[in-house]
C-alpha atoms as a PDB file:
ATOM      1  CA  MET A   1     124.251 105.557 106.658  1.00  0.00           C
ATOM      2  CA  CYS A   2     123.860 101.901 107.426  1.00  0.00           C
ATOM      3  CA  LEU A   3     120.412 101.291 108.908  1.00  0.00           C
ATOM      4  CA  ILE A   4     116.997 102.835 108.228  1.00  0.00           C
ATOM      5  CA  ALA A   5     113.449 101.837 109.143  1.00  0.00           C
ATOM      6  CA  PHE A   6     110.449 103.912 108.164  1.00  0.00           C
ATOM      7  CA  SER A   7     106.676 103.938 108.263  1.00  0.00           C
ATOM      8  CA  TRP A   8     105.045 105.620 105.263  1.00  0.00           C
ATOM      9  CA  GLN A   9     101.388 106.680 104.872  1.00  0.00           C
ATOM     10  CA  PRO A  10     101.129 108.473 101.508  1.00  0.00           C
ATOM     11  CA  GLU A  11      97.384 109.145 101.755  1.00  0.00           C
ATOM     12  CA  ASN A  12      98.008 111.717 104.507  1.00  0.00           C
ATOM     13  CA  GLY A  13     101.716 112.345 103.960  1.00  0.00           C
ATOM     14  CA  ARG A  14     102.751 110.885 107.307  1.00  0.00           C
ATOM     15  CA  LEU A  15     106.327 109.589 107.664  1.00  0.00           C
ATOM     16  CA  LEU A  16     108.325 108.311 110.617  1.00  0.00           C
ATOM     17  CA  LEU A  17     111.935 107.423 109.799  1.00  0.00           C
ATOM     18  CA  LEU A  18     114.691 106.148 112.123  1.00  0.00           C
ATOM     19  CA  ALA A  19     118.287 105.935 110.931  1.00  0.00           C
ATOM     20  CA  ASN A  20     121.818 105.159 112.108  1.00  0.00           C
ATOM     21  CA  ARG A  21     124.888 106.283 110.184  1.00  0.00           C
ATOM     22  CA  ASP A  22     127.941 104.032 110.667  1.00  0.00           C
ATOM     23  CA  GLU A  23     131.359 105.313 109.629  1.00  0.00           C
ATOM     24  CA  PHE A  24     135.029 105.328 110.569  1.00  0.00           C
ATOM     25  CA  TYR A  25     135.555 107.712 113.487  1.00  0.00           C
ATOM     26  CA  GLU A  26     138.470 109.396 111.762  1.00  0.00           C
ATOM     27  CA  ARG A  27     136.384 110.545 108.771  1.00  0.00           C
ATOM     28  CA  PRO A  28     135.772 114.295 109.254  1.00  0.00           C
ATOM     29  CA  THR A  29     132.091 115.084 109.690  1.00  0.00           C
ATOM     30  CA  ALA A  30     129.991 118.142 110.538  1.00  0.00           C
ATOM     31  CA  HIS A  31     126.880 117.731 112.678  1.00  0.00           C
ATOM     32  CA  ALA A  32     123.436 118.437 111.226  1.00  0.00           C
ATOM     33  CA  GLN A  33     122.685 122.114 110.648  1.00  0.00           C
ATOM     34  CA  TRP A  34     121.508 124.529 107.957  1.00  0.00           C
ATOM     35  CA  TRP A  35     124.276 124.615 105.360  1.00  0.00           C
ATOM     36  CA  THR A  36     126.012 127.898 104.600  1.00  0.00           C
ATOM     37  CA  ASP A  37     126.477 127.216 100.878  1.00  0.00           C
ATOM     38  CA  TYR A  38     122.983 125.744 100.366  1.00  0.00           C
ATOM     39  CA  SER A  39     120.954 127.559 103.011  1.00  0.00           C
ATOM     40  CA  ASP A  40     117.776 125.563 102.309  1.00  0.00           C
ATOM     41  CA  ILE A  41     119.429 122.248 103.268  1.00  0.00           C
ATOM     42  CA  TRP A  42     119.525 120.880 106.828  1.00  0.00           C
ATOM     43  CA  ALA A  43     121.784 117.853 107.157  1.00  0.00           C
ATOM     44  CA  GLY A  44     124.987 116.505 108.571  1.00  0.00           C
ATOM     45  CA  ARG A  45     127.958 116.691 106.229  1.00  0.00           C
ATOM     46  CA  ASP A  46     130.848 114.490 105.182  1.00  0.00           C
ATOM     47  CA  LEU A  47     133.722 116.967 105.201  1.00  0.00           C
ATOM     48  CA  GLN A  48     135.933 114.647 103.170  1.00  0.00           C
ATOM     49  CA  ALA A  49     133.741 114.463 100.054  1.00  0.00           C
ATOM     50  CA  GLY A  50     131.200 117.218 100.744  1.00  0.00           C
ATOM     51  CA  GLY A  51     127.954 115.243 100.578  1.00  0.00           C
ATOM     52  CA  THR A  52     125.619 113.800 103.184  1.00  0.00           C
ATOM     53  CA  TRP A  53     123.798 110.609 104.146  1.00  0.00           C
ATOM     54  CA  LEU A  54     120.415 112.066 105.164  1.00  0.00           C
ATOM     55  CA  GLY A  55     118.840 115.489 104.977  1.00  0.00           C
ATOM     56  CA  VAL A  56     115.795 117.686 104.427  1.00  0.00           C
ATOM     57  CA  ASN A  57     115.172 121.036 102.787  1.00  0.00           C
ATOM     58  CA  ARG A  58     112.797 123.950 103.320  1.00  0.00           C
ATOM     59  CA  ALA A  59     110.639 122.853 100.379  1.00  0.00           C
ATOM     60  CA  GLY A  60     109.724 119.694 102.287  1.00  0.00           C
ATOM     61  CA  ARG A  61     111.976 117.338 100.332  1.00  0.00           C
ATOM     62  CA  PHE A  62     113.999 114.658 102.081  1.00  0.00           C
ATOM     63  CA  ALA A  63     116.488 111.982 101.090  1.00  0.00           C
ATOM     64  CA  ALA A  64     118.566 109.238 102.693  1.00  0.00           C
ATOM     65  CA  LEU A  65     121.306 106.886 101.538  1.00  0.00           C
ATOM     66  CA  THR A  66     122.846 103.583 102.592  1.00  0.00           C
ATOM     67  CA  ASN A  67     125.806 101.766 101.104  1.00  0.00           C
ATOM     68  CA  ILE A  68     125.490  98.250  99.733  1.00  0.00           C
ATOM     69  CA  ARG A  69     127.934  95.913 101.434  1.00  0.00           C
ATOM     70  CA  GLU A  70     129.902  93.699  99.077  1.00  0.00           C
ATOM     71  CA  GLY A  71     132.772  91.396  99.997  1.00  0.00           C
ATOM     72  CA  GLU A  72     135.256  93.273  97.869  1.00  0.00           C
ATOM     73  CA  VAL A  73     135.412  96.982  98.618  1.00  0.00           C
ATOM     74  CA  THR A  74     135.160  99.054  95.439  1.00  0.00           C
ATOM     75  CA  LEU A  75     135.472 102.809  95.040  1.00  0.00           C
ATOM     76  CA  GLY A  76     133.232 104.652  92.631  1.00  0.00           C
ATOM     77  CA  LYS A  77     134.292 107.500  90.399  1.00  0.00           C
ATOM     78  CA  ARG A  78     131.999 109.781  92.403  1.00  0.00           C
ATOM     79  CA  SER A  79     130.981 110.067  96.051  1.00  0.00           C
ATOM     80  CA  ARG A  80     127.631 108.541  96.970  1.00  0.00           C
ATOM     81  CA  GLY A  81     126.959 111.384  99.414  1.00  0.00           C
ATOM     82  CA  GLU A  82     126.349 113.758  96.499  1.00  0.00           C
ATOM     83  CA  LEU A  83     123.202 111.780  95.648  1.00  0.00           C
ATOM     84  CA  VAL A  84     121.374 113.067  98.721  1.00  0.00           C
ATOM     85  CA  SER A  85     122.560 116.671  98.497  1.00  0.00           C
ATOM     86  CA  GLY A  86     121.929 116.633  94.733  1.00  0.00           C
ATOM     87  CA  PHE A  87     118.253 115.889  95.275  1.00  0.00           C
ATOM     88  CA  LEU A  88     117.882 118.408  98.095  1.00  0.00           C
ATOM     89  CA  SER A  89     119.475 121.189  96.042  1.00  0.00           C
ATOM     90  CA  SER A  90     117.294 120.535  92.978  1.00  0.00           C
ATOM     91  CA  ASN A  91     113.624 120.830  92.073  1.00  0.00           C
ATOM     92  CA  ILE A  92     113.553 117.694  89.909  1.00  0.00           C
ATOM     93  CA  SER A  93     110.763 115.268  90.805  1.00  0.00           C
ATOM     94  CA  GLY A  94     111.740 112.233  92.848  1.00  0.00           C
ATOM     95  CA  ALA A  95     110.873 109.900  89.968  1.00  0.00           C
ATOM     96  CA  ASP A  96     112.969 111.781  87.415  1.00  0.00           C
ATOM     97  CA  TYR A  97     115.874 112.308  89.807  1.00  0.00           C
ATOM     98  CA  LEU A  98     116.092 108.645  90.734  1.00  0.00           C
ATOM     99  CA  LYS A  99     115.881 107.491  87.127  1.00  0.00           C
ATOM    100  CA  GLN A 100     118.614 109.956  86.187  1.00  0.00           C
ATOM    101  CA  VAL A 101     120.835 108.742  89.034  1.00  0.00           C
ATOM    102  CA  LEU A 102     120.352 105.082  88.174  1.00  0.00           C
ATOM    103  CA  ARG A 103     121.312 105.729  84.548  1.00  0.00           C
ATOM    104  CA  GLN A 104     124.650 106.898  85.970  1.00  0.00           C
ATOM    105  CA  GLY A 105     124.753 104.153  88.581  1.00  0.00           C
ATOM    106  CA  SER A 106     128.055 102.684  87.407  1.00  0.00           C
ATOM    107  CA  ASP A 107     129.801 105.905  88.509  1.00  0.00           C
ATOM    108  CA  TYR A 108     129.177 104.971  92.144  1.00  0.00           C
ATOM    109  CA  ALA A 109     129.916 102.107  94.498  1.00  0.00           C
ATOM    110  CA  GLY A 110     126.807 100.210  95.609  1.00  0.00           C
ATOM    111  CA  PHE A 111     124.042 102.328  97.115  1.00  0.00           C
ATOM    112  CA  ASN A 112     120.379 102.460  98.136  1.00  0.00           C
ATOM    113  CA  LEU A 113     118.629 105.817  97.791  1.00  0.00           C
ATOM    114  CA  LEU A 114     115.338 107.138  99.189  1.00  0.00           C
ATOM    115  CA  VAL A 115     113.950 110.447  97.895  1.00  0.00           C
ATOM    116  CA  GLY A 116     110.679 112.023  98.972  1.00  0.00           C
ATOM    117  CA  ASP A 117     108.575 115.164  98.682  1.00  0.00           C
ATOM    118  CA  ILE A 118     105.870 116.181 101.154  1.00  0.00           C
ATOM    119  CA  SER A 119     103.964 118.311  98.648  1.00  0.00           C
ATOM    120  CA  GLN A 120     103.698 115.388  96.227  1.00  0.00           C
ATOM    121  CA  ARG A 121     103.152 112.816  98.987  1.00  0.00           C
ATOM    122  CA  GLU A 122     105.634 110.594  97.197  1.00  0.00           C
ATOM    123  CA  LEU A 123     108.518 108.440  98.382  1.00  0.00           C
ATOM    124  CA  TRP A 124     110.761 106.715  95.848  1.00  0.00           C
ATOM    125  CA  TYR A 125     113.389 103.985  96.280  1.00  0.00           C
ATOM    126  CA  GLY A 126     116.131 102.761  93.978  1.00  0.00           C
ATOM    127  CA  ALA A 127     119.534 101.077  94.046  1.00  0.00           C
ATOM    128  CA  ASN A 128     122.339 100.593  91.551  1.00  0.00           C
ATOM    129  CA  ARG A 129     122.327  96.820  91.917  1.00  0.00           C
ATOM    130  CA  ALA A 130     120.099  94.103  90.405  1.00  0.00           C
ATOM    131  CA  GLY A 131     116.633  94.274  91.955  1.00  0.00           C
ATOM    132  CA  GLY A 132     116.951  97.952  92.806  1.00  0.00           C
ATOM    133  CA  GLU A 133     114.921  99.424  89.952  1.00  0.00           C
ATOM    134  CA  ALA A 134     113.257 102.761  90.783  1.00  0.00           C
ATOM    135  CA  ARG A 135     109.835 102.361  92.332  1.00  0.00           C
ATOM    136  CA  LEU A 136     107.202 104.432  94.094  1.00  0.00           C
ATOM    137  CA  LEU A 137     106.595 103.080  97.586  1.00  0.00           C
ATOM    138  CA  PRO A 138     103.023 102.391  98.723  1.00  0.00           C
ATOM    139  CA  LEU A 139     101.696 102.441 102.282  1.00  0.00           C
ATOM    140  CA  GLY A 140     103.768 100.268 104.585  1.00  0.00           C
ATOM    141  CA  HIS A 141     106.634  99.670 106.991  1.00  0.00           C
ATOM    142  CA  TYR A 142     110.077  99.266 105.447  1.00  0.00           C
ATOM    143  CA  GLY A 143     113.622  98.430 106.507  1.00  0.00           C
ATOM    144  CA  LEU A 144     116.902  99.143 104.782  1.00  0.00           C
ATOM    145  CA  SER A 145     120.517  98.422 105.623  1.00  0.00           C
ATOM    146  CA  ASN A 146     123.379  97.415 103.352  1.00  0.00           C
ATOM    147  CA  GLY A 147     121.329  95.045 101.197  1.00  0.00           C
ATOM    148  CA  LEU A 148     118.312  95.884  99.050  1.00  0.00           C
ATOM    149  CA  LEU A 149     115.084  97.258 100.528  1.00  0.00           C
ATOM    150  CA  ASP A 150     113.535  94.906 103.106  1.00  0.00           C
ATOM    151  CA  ALA A 151     116.354  92.344 102.839  1.00  0.00           C
ATOM    152  CA  PRO A 152     115.638  90.194 105.949  1.00  0.00           C
ATOM    153  CA  TRP A 153     118.783  90.995 107.920  1.00  0.00           C
ATOM    154  CA  PRO A 154     118.311  90.575 111.700  1.00  0.00           C
ATOM    155  CA  LYS A 155     118.958  94.232 112.556  1.00  0.00           C
ATOM    156  CA  VAL A 156     116.621  95.402 109.793  1.00  0.00           C
ATOM    157  CA  GLN A 157     113.834  93.184 111.074  1.00  0.00           C
ATOM    158  CA  ARG A 158     114.482  94.167 114.704  1.00  0.00           C
ATOM    159  CA  LEU A 159     114.373  97.912 114.027  1.00  0.00           C
ATOM    160  CA  LYS A 160     111.410  97.554 111.700  1.00  0.00           C
ATOM    161  CA  GLN A 161     109.412  95.633 114.316  1.00  0.00           C
ATOM    162  CA  GLY A 162     110.285  98.179 116.962  1.00  0.00           C
ATOM    163  CA  LEU A 163     109.139 100.960 114.660  1.00  0.00           C
ATOM    164  CA  ILE A 164     105.803  99.221 114.101  1.00  0.00           C
ATOM    165  CA  ASP A 165     105.203  99.286 117.859  1.00  0.00           C
ATOM    166  CA  ILE A 166     105.777 103.077 118.170  1.00  0.00           C
ATOM    167  CA  PRO A 167     102.519 105.114 118.126  1.00  0.00           C
ATOM    168  CA  LYS A 168     102.452 107.071 114.856  1.00  0.00           C
ATOM    169  CA  GLY A 169     100.177 109.954 115.782  1.00  0.00           C
ATOM    170  CA  GLY A 170     102.497 111.894 118.076  1.00  0.00           C
ATOM    171  CA  ALA A 171     104.956 114.710 117.580  1.00  0.00           C
ATOM    172  CA  LEU A 172     108.704 114.123 117.566  1.00  0.00           C
ATOM    173  CA  ALA A 173     108.996 114.828 121.300  1.00  0.00           C
ATOM    174  CA  ASP A 174     106.591 111.947 121.998  1.00  0.00           C
ATOM    175  CA  ILE A 175     108.376 109.522 119.682  1.00  0.00           C
ATOM    176  CA  GLU A 176     112.014 110.436 120.311  1.00  0.00           C
ATOM    177  CA  PRO A 177     112.735 108.444 123.525  1.00  0.00           C
ATOM    178  CA  ALA A 178     111.462 105.137 122.133  1.00  0.00           C
ATOM    179  CA  ALA A 179     113.067 105.782 118.742  1.00  0.00           C
ATOM    180  CA  LEU A 180     116.505 106.480 120.215  1.00  0.00           C
ATOM    181  CA  GLN A 181     116.259 103.409 122.418  1.00  0.00           C
ATOM    182  CA  LEU A 182     115.676 101.272 119.312  1.00  0.00           C
ATOM    183  CA  LEU A 183     118.578 102.941 117.490  1.00  0.00           C
ATOM    184  CA  SER A 184     120.883 102.317 120.473  1.00  0.00           C
ATOM    185  CA  ASP A 185     120.318  98.543 120.565  1.00  0.00           C
ATOM    186  CA  ASN A 186     123.849  97.066 120.572  1.00  0.00           C
ATOM    187  CA  GLN A 187     122.917  93.373 120.747  1.00  0.00           C
ATOM    188  CA  PRO A 188     124.550  91.371 117.896  1.00  0.00           C
ATOM    189  CA  ALA A 189     122.484  88.802 116.033  1.00  0.00           C
ATOM    190  CA  PRO A 190     122.885  85.059 116.702  1.00  0.00           C
ATOM    191  CA  VAL A 191     125.451  83.457 114.415  1.00  0.00           C
ATOM    192  CA  GLU A 192     122.859  81.289 112.684  1.00  0.00           C
ATOM    193  CA  GLN A 193     120.885  84.385 111.623  1.00  0.00           C
ATOM    194  CA  LEU A 194     123.752  86.337 110.076  1.00  0.00           C
ATOM    195  CA  PRO A 195     123.549  87.296 106.397  1.00  0.00           C
ATOM    196  CA  ASN A 196     126.399  86.333 104.104  1.00  0.00           C
ATOM    197  CA  THR A 197     127.665  89.539 102.532  1.00  0.00           C
ATOM    198  CA  GLY A 198     131.177  88.385 101.701  1.00  0.00           C
ATOM    199  CA  VAL A 199     132.964  89.666 104.819  1.00  0.00           C
ATOM    200  CA  ALA A 200     134.515  87.485 107.525  1.00  0.00           C
ATOM    201  CA  PRO A 201     131.985  85.874 109.953  1.00  0.00           C
ATOM    202  CA  GLU A 202     133.428  87.679 112.985  1.00  0.00           C
ATOM    203  CA  LEU A 203     133.074  91.029 111.219  1.00  0.00           C
ATOM    204  CA  GLU A 204     129.589  90.093 110.021  1.00  0.00           C
ATOM    205  CA  ARG A 205     128.546  89.591 113.650  1.00  0.00           C
ATOM    206  CA  LEU A 206     130.110  92.859 114.817  1.00  0.00           C
ATOM    207  CA  LEU A 207     128.092  94.675 112.152  1.00  0.00           C
ATOM    208  CA  SER A 208     124.837  92.850 112.919  1.00  0.00           C
ATOM    209  CA  ALA A 209     123.683  95.061 115.816  1.00  0.00           C
ATOM    210  CA  PRO A 210     121.577  98.159 115.091  1.00  0.00           C
ATOM    211  CA  PHE A 211     124.080 100.256 117.087  1.00  0.00           C
ATOM    212  CA  ILE A 212     127.738  99.512 116.315  1.00  0.00           C
ATOM    213  CA  HIS A 213     130.719 100.385 118.502  1.00  0.00           C
ATOM    214  CA  CYS A 214     134.037  98.862 117.414  1.00  0.00           C
ATOM    215  CA  PRO A 215     136.905 100.951 118.875  1.00  0.00           C
ATOM    216  CA  HIS A 216     139.510  98.398 117.754  1.00  0.00           C
ATOM    217  CA  LEU A 217     138.370  98.969 114.158  1.00  0.00           C
ATOM    218  CA  ASN A 218     137.951 102.727 114.702  1.00  0.00           C
ATOM    219  CA  TYR A 219     134.395 102.287 113.384  1.00  0.00           C
ATOM    220  CA  GLY A 220     130.870 102.619 114.687  1.00  0.00           C
ATOM    221  CA  THR A 221     127.546 104.431 114.764  1.00  0.00           C
ATOM    222  CA  ARG A 222     128.261 108.156 114.584  1.00  0.00           C
ATOM    223  CA  ALA A 223     124.831 109.698 113.971  1.00  0.00           C
ATOM    224  CA  GLN A 224     121.304 108.712 114.977  1.00  0.00           C
ATOM    225  CA  THR A 225     118.412 110.489 113.251  1.00  0.00           C
ATOM    226  CA  VAL A 226     114.658 110.615 113.794  1.00  0.00           C
ATOM    227  CA  LEU A 227     112.528 112.263 111.089  1.00  0.00           C
ATOM    228  CA  CYS A 228     108.822 112.822 111.660  1.00  0.00           C
ATOM    229  CA  ILE A 229     106.381 114.336 109.147  1.00  0.00           C
ATOM    230  CA  HIS A 230     102.710 114.642 110.040  1.00  0.00           C
ATOM    231  CA  PRO A 231      99.638 116.669 109.027  1.00  0.00           C
ATOM    232  CA  SER A 232      99.320 120.047 110.766  1.00  0.00           C
ATOM    233  CA  GLY A 233      96.154 121.847 109.784  1.00  0.00           C
ATOM    234  CA  ILE A 234      94.535 122.054 106.374  1.00  0.00           C
ATOM    235  CA  ASP A 235      96.884 121.513 103.405  1.00  0.00           C
ATOM    236  CA  GLN A 236     100.034 121.698 105.463  1.00  0.00           C
ATOM    237  CA  HIS A 237     102.458 119.361 107.206  1.00  0.00           C
ATOM    238  CA  LYS A 238     104.925 119.722 110.028  1.00  0.00           C
ATOM    239  CA  LEU A 239     108.431 118.349 109.489  1.00  0.00           C
ATOM    240  CA  GLU A 240     110.510 117.628 112.596  1.00  0.00           C
ATOM    241  CA  VAL A 241     113.982 116.113 112.523  1.00  0.00           C
ATOM    242  CA  MET A 242     116.687 115.551 115.118  1.00  0.00           C
ATOM    243  CA  GLU A 243     120.199 114.136 114.951  1.00  0.00           C
ATOM    244  CA  ARG A 244     122.251 112.811 117.859  1.00  0.00           C
ATOM    245  CA  THR A 245     125.979 112.493 117.164  1.00  0.00           C
ATOM    246  CA  ARG A 246     128.223 109.952 118.889  1.00  0.00           C
ATOM    247  CA  GLY A 247     131.940 109.935 119.585  1.00  0.00           C
ATOM    248  CA  ALA A 248     134.536 107.185 119.320  1.00  0.00           C
ATOM    249  CA  ASP A 249     133.898 106.223 122.955  1.00  0.00           C
ATOM    250  CA  GLY A 250     130.179 105.844 122.257  1.00  0.00           C
ATOM    251  CA  THR A 251     129.120 108.927 124.234  1.00  0.00           C
ATOM    252  CA  VAL A 252     126.701 111.549 122.924  1.00  0.00           C
ATOM    253  CA  LEU A 253     128.567 114.574 121.540  1.00  0.00           C
ATOM    254  CA  ALA A 254     125.660 116.755 120.445  1.00  0.00           C
ATOM    255  CA  THR A 255     121.946 116.786 119.674  1.00  0.00           C
ATOM    256  CA  ASN A 256     120.656 119.050 116.907  1.00  0.00           C
ATOM    257  CA  SER A 257     117.149 119.532 115.569  1.00  0.00           C
ATOM    258  CA  THR A 258     114.916 121.683 113.410  1.00  0.00           C
ATOM    259  CA  ASP A 259     111.248 121.848 112.494  1.00  0.00           C
ATOM    260  CA  PHE A 260     109.017 123.817 110.157  1.00  0.00           C
ATOM    261  CA  ILE A 261     105.579 123.871 108.606  1.00  0.00           C
ATOM    262  CA  LYS A 262     105.311 123.073 104.908  1.00  0.00           C
ATOM    263  CA  ALA A 263     102.219 124.826 103.578  1.00  0.00           C
ATOM    264  CA  ALA A 264     100.655 124.366 100.178  1.00  0.00           C
ATOM    265  CA  GLU A 265     102.379 127.374  98.590  1.00  0.00           C
ATOM    266  CA  HIS A 266     105.152 128.378 100.967  1.00  0.00           C
ATOM    267  CA  ILE A 267     107.127 127.536 104.091  1.00  0.00           C
ATOM    268  CA  LEU A 268     106.188 129.116 107.412  1.00  0.00           C
ATOM    269  CA  ARG A 269     109.179 129.200 109.776  1.00  0.00           C
END
């Protein structure tokens, strides 16, 4: 996952999250669905390492991950994708899970991690780099790419501003067209606005658009996700999530979605 923007209103548990996952086209991946080995998890899956970049579970927990871009590519002892599935398959609080993960942060290459729980109306952020200490996020609009939270990269600011302009009261069907249009923006940033992350300037510019399509590098945006959580009656919330997968030629391969009501004591399907 390489780009996320989200609007968070903890007082009523309302969340709207837009995300693009960028990856090499040759890396084997399964589209988002309910997992067979962990039947409470709905997510896409990295078939090489077994984890995921973004997902939800029937208990109303959700998590998302981005890598931190550093000039020199380093491999961790463990796959970062297990951080998302590890939270979704556990019942540990977001605060405790994130603190536990960050204590083991040296086992992984650079990452940003979001973990949330509808029932607790909490959303936590942390990263295993300086400045990424675990913290509970208050009301606000946020953007995240391959730097720390709200690093002012052009594509982060562009997606975040677009998110601010989307009406927040609607269901997923009302939000989806505008959200996918924002996630499909393939305009690179002007050279003078590019961040300096240690990669070559020409590569920096190729990676500066919200939607990436680089066939010559066999790399690009492979999944686009919209997650919407909003109140639905007394003491319950509706969670709606959709994923659109893209092929190496940039075309849409599949669209998958799920939704459910998270009540105070149980899930109503």
